C-alpha cells in the first residue's frame, strides 16, 4: 500500500526490439 513511485516501459516496439524506460519517485522514497 506504500507507493514509492513509478517505473514504466513506453514506446514499446516488440517488432523492433526496443522500448523506453521512465521513472519517478515520491519525495520520501
ModelCIF file with pLDDT and N, C-alpha, C, O atoms, coordinates in Angstrom:
data_MODEL
#
_entry.id   MODEL 
#
_entity.id                         1 
_entity.type                       polymer 
_entity.pdbx_number_of_molecules   1 
#
_entity_poly.entity_id                      1 
_entity_poly.type                           'polypeptide(L)' 
_entity_poly.nstd_linkage                   no 
_entity_poly.nstd_monomer                   no 
_entity_poly.pdbx_seq_one_letter_code       
;(UNK)(UNK)(UNK)(UNK)(UNK)(UNK)(UNK)(UNK)(UNK)(UNK)(UNK)(UNK)(UNK)(UNK)(UNK)(UNK)
(UNK)(UNK)(UNK)(UNK)(UNK)(UNK)(UNK)(UNK)(UNK)(UNK)(UNK)(UNK)(UNK)
;
_entity_poly.pdbx_seq_one_letter_code_can   XXXXXXXXXXXXXXXXXXXXXXXXXXXXX 
_entity_poly.pdbx_strand_id                 A 
#
loop_
_entity_poly_seq.entity_id 
_entity_poly_seq.num 
_entity_poly_seq.mon_id 
_entity_poly_seq.hetero 
1 1  UNK n 
1 2  UNK n 
1 3  UNK n 
1 4  UNK n 
1 5  UNK n 
1 6  UNK n 
1 7  UNK n 
1 8  UNK n 
1 9  UNK n 
1 10 UNK n 
1 11 UNK n 
1 12 UNK n 
1 13 UNK n 
1 14 UNK n 
1 15 UNK n 
1 16 UNK n 
1 17 UNK n 
1 18 UNK n 
1 19 UNK n 
1 20 UNK n 
1 21 UNK n 
1 22 UNK n 
1 23 UNK n 
1 24 UNK n 
1 25 UNK n 
1 26 UNK n 
1 27 UNK n 
1 28 UNK n 
1 29 UNK n 
#
_struct_asym.id          A 
_struct_asym.entity_id   1 
#
loop_
_ma_qa_metric.id 
_ma_qa_metric.mode 
_ma_qa_metric.name 
_ma_qa_metric.software_group_id 
_ma_qa_metric.type 
1 global pLDDT . pLDDT 
2 local  pLDDT . pLDDT 
#
_ma_qa_metric_global.metric_id      1 
_ma_qa_metric_global.metric_value   95.38 
_ma_qa_metric_global.model_id       1 
_ma_qa_metric_global.ordinal_id     1 
#
loop_
_ma_qa_metric_local.label_asym_id 
_ma_qa_metric_local.label_comp_id 
_ma_qa_metric_local.label_seq_id 
_ma_qa_metric_local.metric_id 
_ma_qa_metric_local.metric_value 
_ma_qa_metric_local.model_id 
_ma_qa_metric_local.ordinal_id 
A UNK 1  2 94.00 1 1  
A UNK 2  2 91.00 1 2  
A UNK 3  2 93.00 1 3  
A UNK 4  2 95.00 1 4  
A UNK 5  2 94.00 1 5  
A UNK 6  2 95.00 1 6  
A UNK 7  2 97.00 1 7  
A UNK 8  2 97.00 1 8  
A UNK 9  2 98.00 1 9  
A UNK 10 2 97.00 1 10 
A UNK 11 2 97.00 1 11 
A UNK 12 2 98.00 1 12 
A UNK 13 2 97.00 1 13 
A UNK 14 2 96.00 1 14 
A UNK 15 2 96.00 1 15 
A UNK 16 2 97.00 1 16 
A UNK 17 2 97.00 1 17 
A UNK 18 2 98.00 1 18 
A UNK 19 2 98.00 1 19 
A UNK 20 2 98.00 1 20 
A UNK 21 2 98.00 1 21 
A UNK 22 2 96.00 1 22 
A UNK 23 2 96.00 1 23 
A UNK 24 2 93.00 1 24 
A UNK 25 2 93.00 1 25 
A UNK 26 2 93.00 1 26 
A UNK 27 2 91.00 1 27 
A UNK 28 2 91.00 1 28 
A UNK 29 2 92.00 1 29 
#
loop_
_atom_site.group_PDB 
_atom_site.id 
_atom_site.type_symbol 
_atom_site.label_atom_id 
_atom_site.label_alt_id 
_atom_site.label_comp_id 
_atom_site.label_asym_id 
_atom_site.label_entity_id 
_atom_site.label_seq_id 
_atom_site.pdbx_PDB_ins_code 
_atom_site.Cartn_x 
_atom_site.Cartn_y 
_atom_site.Cartn_z 
_atom_site.occupancy 
_atom_site.B_iso_or_equiv 
_atom_site.pdbx_formal_charge 
_atom_site.auth_seq_id 
_atom_site.auth_comp_id 
_atom_site.auth_asym_id 
_atom_site.auth_atom_id 
_atom_site.pdbx_PDB_model_num 
ATOM 1   N N  . UNK A 1 1  ? 0.820  -1.211 0.000   1.00 94.00 ? 1  UNK A N  1 
ATOM 2   C CA . UNK A 1 1  ? 0.000  0.000  0.000   1.00 94.00 ? 1  UNK A CA 1 
ATOM 3   C C  . UNK A 1 1  ? 0.855  1.262  0.000   1.00 94.00 ? 1  UNK A C  1 
ATOM 4   O O  . UNK A 1 1  ? 0.341  2.354  -0.243  1.00 94.00 ? 1  UNK A O  1 
ATOM 5   N N  . UNK A 1 2  ? 2.142  1.129  0.267   1.00 91.00 ? 2  UNK A N  1 
ATOM 6   C CA . UNK A 1 2  ? 3.043  2.281  0.305   1.00 91.00 ? 2  UNK A CA 1 
ATOM 7   C C  . UNK A 1 2  ? 3.668  2.473  -1.076  1.00 91.00 ? 2  UNK A C  1 
ATOM 8   O O  . UNK A 1 2  ? 4.581  1.743  -1.463  1.00 91.00 ? 2  UNK A O  1 
ATOM 9   N N  . UNK A 1 3  ? 3.159  3.476  -1.817  1.00 93.00 ? 3  UNK A N  1 
ATOM 10  C CA . UNK A 1 3  ? 3.662  3.766  -3.159  1.00 93.00 ? 3  UNK A CA 1 
ATOM 11  C C  . UNK A 1 3  ? 4.904  4.645  -3.045  1.00 93.00 ? 3  UNK A C  1 
ATOM 12  O O  . UNK A 1 3  ? 4.865  5.739  -2.481  1.00 93.00 ? 3  UNK A O  1 
ATOM 13  N N  . UNK A 1 4  ? 6.002  4.141  -3.592  1.00 95.00 ? 4  UNK A N  1 
ATOM 14  C CA . UNK A 1 4  ? 7.266  4.876  -3.589  1.00 95.00 ? 4  UNK A CA 1 
ATOM 15  C C  . UNK A 1 4  ? 7.450  5.686  -4.868  1.00 95.00 ? 4  UNK A C  1 
ATOM 16  O O  . UNK A 1 4  ? 8.178  6.679  -4.880  1.00 95.00 ? 4  UNK A O  1 
ATOM 17  N N  . UNK A 1 5  ? 6.790  5.263  -5.944  1.00 94.00 ? 5  UNK A N  1 
ATOM 18  C CA . UNK A 1 5  ? 6.946  5.936  -7.225  1.00 94.00 ? 5  UNK A CA 1 
ATOM 19  C C  . UNK A 1 5  ? 6.414  5.084  -8.348  1.00 94.00 ? 5  UNK A C  1 
ATOM 20  O O  . UNK A 1 5  ? 5.468  4.317  -8.173  1.00 94.00 ? 5  UNK A O  1 
ATOM 21  N N  . UNK A 1 6  ? 7.039  5.225  -9.520  1.00 95.00 ? 6  UNK A N  1 
ATOM 22  C CA . UNK A 1 6  ? 6.592  4.528  -10.713 1.00 95.00 ? 6  UNK A CA 1 
ATOM 23  C C  . UNK A 1 6  ? 7.787  4.173  -11.583 1.00 95.00 ? 6  UNK A C  1 
ATOM 24  O O  . UNK A 1 6  ? 8.805  4.865  -11.575 1.00 95.00 ? 6  UNK A O  1 
ATOM 25  N N  . UNK A 1 7  ? 7.652  3.098  -12.323 1.00 97.00 ? 7  UNK A N  1 
ATOM 26  C CA . UNK A 1 7  ? 8.621  2.734  -13.352 1.00 97.00 ? 7  UNK A CA 1 
ATOM 27  C C  . UNK A 1 7  ? 7.808  2.179  -14.525 1.00 97.00 ? 7  UNK A C  1 
ATOM 28  O O  . UNK A 1 7  ? 6.804  1.495  -14.328 1.00 97.00 ? 7  UNK A O  1 
ATOM 29  N N  . UNK A 1 8  ? 8.258  2.485  -15.748 1.00 97.00 ? 8  UNK A N  1 
ATOM 30  C CA . UNK A 1 8  ? 7.446  2.092  -16.890 1.00 97.00 ? 8  UNK A CA 1 
ATOM 31  C C  . UNK A 1 8  ? 8.288  1.767  -18.107 1.00 97.00 ? 8  UNK A C  1 
ATOM 32  O O  . UNK A 1 8  ? 9.429  2.207  -18.252 1.00 97.00 ? 8  UNK A O  1 
ATOM 33  N N  . UNK A 1 9  ? 7.675  0.979  -18.973 1.00 98.00 ? 9  UNK A N  1 
ATOM 34  C CA . UNK A 1 9  ? 8.154  0.789  -20.338 1.00 98.00 ? 9  UNK A CA 1 
ATOM 35  C C  . UNK A 1 9  ? 7.147  1.510  -21.220 1.00 98.00 ? 9  UNK A C  1 
ATOM 36  O O  . UNK A 1 9  ? 5.943  1.281  -21.099 1.00 98.00 ? 9  UNK A O  1 
ATOM 37  N N  . UNK A 1 10 ? 7.622  2.374  -22.101 1.00 97.00 ? 10 UNK A N  1 
ATOM 38  C CA . UNK A 1 10 ? 6.737  3.045  -23.046 1.00 97.00 ? 10 UNK A CA 1 
ATOM 39  C C  . UNK A 1 10 ? 7.351  2.947  -24.433 1.00 97.00 ? 10 UNK A C  1 
ATOM 40  O O  . UNK A 1 10 ? 8.468  2.458  -24.603 1.00 97.00 ? 10 UNK A O  1 
ATOM 41  N N  . UNK A 1 11 ? 6.597  3.421  -25.422 1.00 97.00 ? 11 UNK A N  1 
ATOM 42  C CA . UNK A 1 11 ? 7.077  3.340  -26.808 1.00 97.00 ? 11 UNK A CA 1 
ATOM 43  C C  . UNK A 1 11 ? 7.577  1.925  -27.124 1.00 97.00 ? 11 UNK A C  1 
ATOM 44  O O  . UNK A 1 11 ? 8.575  1.751  -27.824 1.00 97.00 ? 11 UNK A O  1 
ATOM 45  N N  . UNK A 1 12 ? 6.873  0.928  -26.602 1.00 98.00 ? 12 UNK A N  1 
ATOM 46  C CA . UNK A 1 12 ? 7.276  -0.471 -26.801 1.00 98.00 ? 12 UNK A CA 1 
ATOM 47  C C  . UNK A 1 12 ? 7.064  -0.842 -28.268 1.00 98.00 ? 12 UNK A C  1 
ATOM 48  O O  . UNK A 1 12 ? 5.968  -0.697 -28.810 1.00 98.00 ? 12 UNK A O  1 
ATOM 49  N N  . UNK A 1 13 ? 8.125  -1.320 -28.889 1.00 97.00 ? 13 UNK A N  1 
ATOM 50  C CA . UNK A 1 13 ? 8.076  -1.778 -30.275 1.00 97.00 ? 13 UNK A CA 1 
ATOM 51  C C  . UNK A 1 13 ? 8.720  -3.166 -30.310 1.00 97.00 ? 13 UNK A C  1 
ATOM 52  O O  . UNK A 1 13 ? 9.910  -3.315 -30.591 1.00 97.00 ? 13 UNK A O  1 
ATOM 53  N N  . UNK A 1 14 ? 7.909  -4.160 -30.020 1.00 96.00 ? 14 UNK A N  1 
ATOM 54  C CA . UNK A 1 14 ? 8.430  -5.527 -29.951 1.00 96.00 ? 14 UNK A CA 1 
ATOM 55  C C  . UNK A 1 14 ? 9.008  -5.966 -31.288 1.00 96.00 ? 14 UNK A C  1 
ATOM 56  O O  . UNK A 1 14 ? 9.984  -6.716 -31.325 1.00 96.00 ? 14 UNK A O  1 
ATOM 57  N N  . UNK A 1 15 ? 8.415  -5.505 -32.392 1.00 96.00 ? 15 UNK A N  1 
ATOM 58  C CA . UNK A 1 15 ? 8.912  -5.889 -33.713 1.00 96.00 ? 15 UNK A CA 1 
ATOM 59  C C  . UNK A 1 15 ? 10.314 -5.339 -33.966 1.00 96.00 ? 15 UNK A C  1 
ATOM 60  O O  . UNK A 1 15 ? 11.069 -5.905 -34.757 1.00 96.00 ? 15 UNK A O  1 
ATOM 61  N N  . UNK A 1 16 ? 10.662 -4.245 -33.302 1.00 97.00 ? 16 UNK A N  1 
ATOM 62  C CA . UNK A 1 16 ? 11.993 -3.665 -33.444 1.00 97.00 ? 16 UNK A CA 1 
ATOM 63  C C  . UNK A 1 16 ? 12.887 -3.958 -32.236 1.00 97.00 ? 16 UNK A C  1 
ATOM 64  O O  . UNK A 1 16 ? 14.066 -3.604 -32.226 1.00 97.00 ? 16 UNK A O  1 
ATOM 65  N N  . UNK A 1 17 ? 12.314 -4.606 -31.222 1.00 97.00 ? 17 UNK A N  1 
ATOM 66  C CA . UNK A 1 17 ? 13.093 -4.995 -30.050 1.00 97.00 ? 17 UNK A CA 1 
ATOM 67  C C  . UNK A 1 17 ? 13.517 -3.845 -29.165 1.00 97.00 ? 17 UNK A C  1 
ATOM 68  O O  . UNK A 1 17 ? 14.585 -3.897 -28.555 1.00 97.00 ? 17 UNK A O  1 
ATOM 69  N N  . UNK A 1 18 ? 12.693 -2.794 -29.080 1.00 98.00 ? 18 UNK A N  1 
ATOM 70  C CA . UNK A 1 18 ? 13.103 -1.662 -28.249 1.00 98.00 ? 18 UNK A CA 1 
ATOM 71  C C  . UNK A 1 18 ? 11.920 -1.052 -27.496 1.00 98.00 ? 18 UNK A C  1 
ATOM 72  O O  . UNK A 1 18 ? 10.756 -1.253 -27.843 1.00 98.00 ? 18 UNK A O  1 
ATOM 73  N N  . UNK A 1 19 ? 12.266 -0.305 -26.458 1.00 98.00 ? 19 UNK A N  1 
ATOM 74  C CA . UNK A 1 19 ? 11.284 0.407  -25.636 1.00 98.00 ? 19 UNK A CA 1 
ATOM 75  C C  . UNK A 1 19 ? 12.015 1.498  -24.873 1.00 98.00 ? 19 UNK A C  1 
ATOM 76  O O  . UNK A 1 19 ? 13.245 1.525  -24.818 1.00 98.00 ? 19 UNK A O  1 
ATOM 77  N N  . UNK A 1 20 ? 11.237 2.394  -24.286 1.00 98.00 ? 20 UNK A N  1 
ATOM 78  C CA . UNK A 1 20 ? 11.792 3.458  -23.450 1.00 98.00 ? 20 UNK A CA 1 
ATOM 79  C C  . UNK A 1 20 ? 11.458 3.167  -21.987 1.00 98.00 ? 20 UNK A C  1 
ATOM 80  O O  . UNK A 1 20 ? 10.403 2.612  -21.680 1.00 98.00 ? 20 UNK A O  1 
ATOM 81  N N  . UNK A 1 21 ? 12.358 3.543  -21.100 1.00 98.00 ? 21 UNK A N  1 
ATOM 82  C CA . UNK A 1 21 ? 12.166 3.370  -19.660 1.00 98.00 ? 21 UNK A CA 1 
ATOM 83  C C  . UNK A 1 21 ? 11.926 4.740  -19.040 1.00 98.00 ? 21 UNK A C  1 
ATOM 84  O O  . UNK A 1 21 ? 12.588 5.717  -19.390 1.00 98.00 ? 21 UNK A O  1 
ATOM 85  N N  . UNK A 1 22 ? 10.985 4.800  -18.126 1.00 96.00 ? 22 UNK A N  1 
ATOM 86  C CA . UNK A 1 22 ? 10.735 6.028  -17.376 1.00 96.00 ? 22 UNK A CA 1 
ATOM 87  C C  . UNK A 1 22 ? 10.522 5.712  -15.917 1.00 96.00 ? 22 UNK A C  1 
ATOM 88  O O  . UNK A 1 22 ? 10.191 4.579  -15.566 1.00 96.00 ? 22 UNK A O  1 
ATOM 89  N N  . UNK A 1 23 ? 10.708 6.709  -15.056 1.00 96.00 ? 23 UNK A N  1 
ATOM 90  C CA . UNK A 1 23 ? 10.511 6.509  -13.615 1.00 96.00 ? 23 UNK A CA 1 
ATOM 91  C C  . UNK A 1 23 ? 10.376 7.835  -12.911 1.00 96.00 ? 23 UNK A C  1 
ATOM 92  O O  . UNK A 1 23 ? 10.813 8.875  -13.404 1.00 96.00 ? 23 UNK A O  1 
ATOM 93  N N  . UNK A 1 24 ? 9.755  7.778  -11.738 1.00 93.00 ? 24 UNK A N  1 
ATOM 94  C CA . UNK A 1 24 ? 9.719  8.913  -10.821 1.00 93.00 ? 24 UNK A CA 1 
ATOM 95  C C  . UNK A 1 24 ? 9.585  8.369  -9.413  1.00 93.00 ? 24 UNK A C  1 
ATOM 96  O O  . UNK A 1 24 ? 9.117  7.249  -9.205  1.00 93.00 ? 24 UNK A O  1 
ATOM 97  N N  . UNK A 1 25 ? 9.998  9.171  -8.455  1.00 93.00 ? 25 UNK A N  1 
ATOM 98  C CA . UNK A 1 25 ? 9.909  8.772  -7.048  1.00 93.00 ? 25 UNK A CA 1 
ATOM 99  C C  . UNK A 1 25 ? 9.198  9.839  -6.229  1.00 93.00 ? 25 UNK A C  1 
ATOM 100 O O  . UNK A 1 25 ? 9.358  11.037 -6.462  1.00 93.00 ? 25 UNK A O  1 
ATOM 101 N N  . UNK A 1 26 ? 8.410  9.376  -5.264  1.00 93.00 ? 26 UNK A N  1 
ATOM 102 C CA . UNK A 1 26 ? 7.826  10.267 -4.266  1.00 93.00 ? 26 UNK A CA 1 
ATOM 103 C C  . UNK A 1 26 ? 8.964  10.789 -3.381  1.00 93.00 ? 26 UNK A C  1 
ATOM 104 O O  . UNK A 1 26 ? 9.985  10.116 -3.236  1.00 93.00 ? 26 UNK A O  1 
ATOM 105 N N  . UNK A 1 27 ? 8.807  11.959 -2.799  1.00 91.00 ? 27 UNK A N  1 
ATOM 106 C CA . UNK A 1 27 ? 9.899  12.558 -2.008  1.00 91.00 ? 27 UNK A CA 1 
ATOM 107 C C  . UNK A 1 27 ? 10.470 11.631 -0.933  1.00 91.00 ? 27 UNK A C  1 
ATOM 108 O O  . UNK A 1 27 ? 11.686 11.568 -0.753  1.00 91.00 ? 27 UNK A O  1 
ATOM 109 N N  . UNK A 1 28 ? 9.612  10.924 -0.228  1.00 91.00 ? 28 UNK A N  1 
ATOM 110 C CA . UNK A 1 28 ? 10.082 10.074 0.882   1.00 91.00 ? 28 UNK A CA 1 
ATOM 111 C C  . UNK A 1 28 ? 10.829 8.836  0.418   1.00 91.00 ? 28 UNK A C  1 
ATOM 112 O O  . UNK A 1 28 ? 11.450 8.149  1.229   1.00 91.00 ? 28 UNK A O  1 
ATOM 113 N N  . UNK A 1 29 ? 10.779 8.541  -0.877  1.00 92.00 ? 29 UNK A N  1 
ATOM 114 C CA . UNK A 1 29 ? 11.452 7.346  -1.406  1.00 92.00 ? 29 UNK A CA 1 
ATOM 115 C C  . UNK A 1 29 ? 12.835 7.660  -1.973  1.00 92.00 ? 29 UNK A C  1 
ATOM 116 O O  . UNK A 1 29 ? 13.524 6.761  -2.454  1.00 92.00 ? 29 UNK A O  1 
#
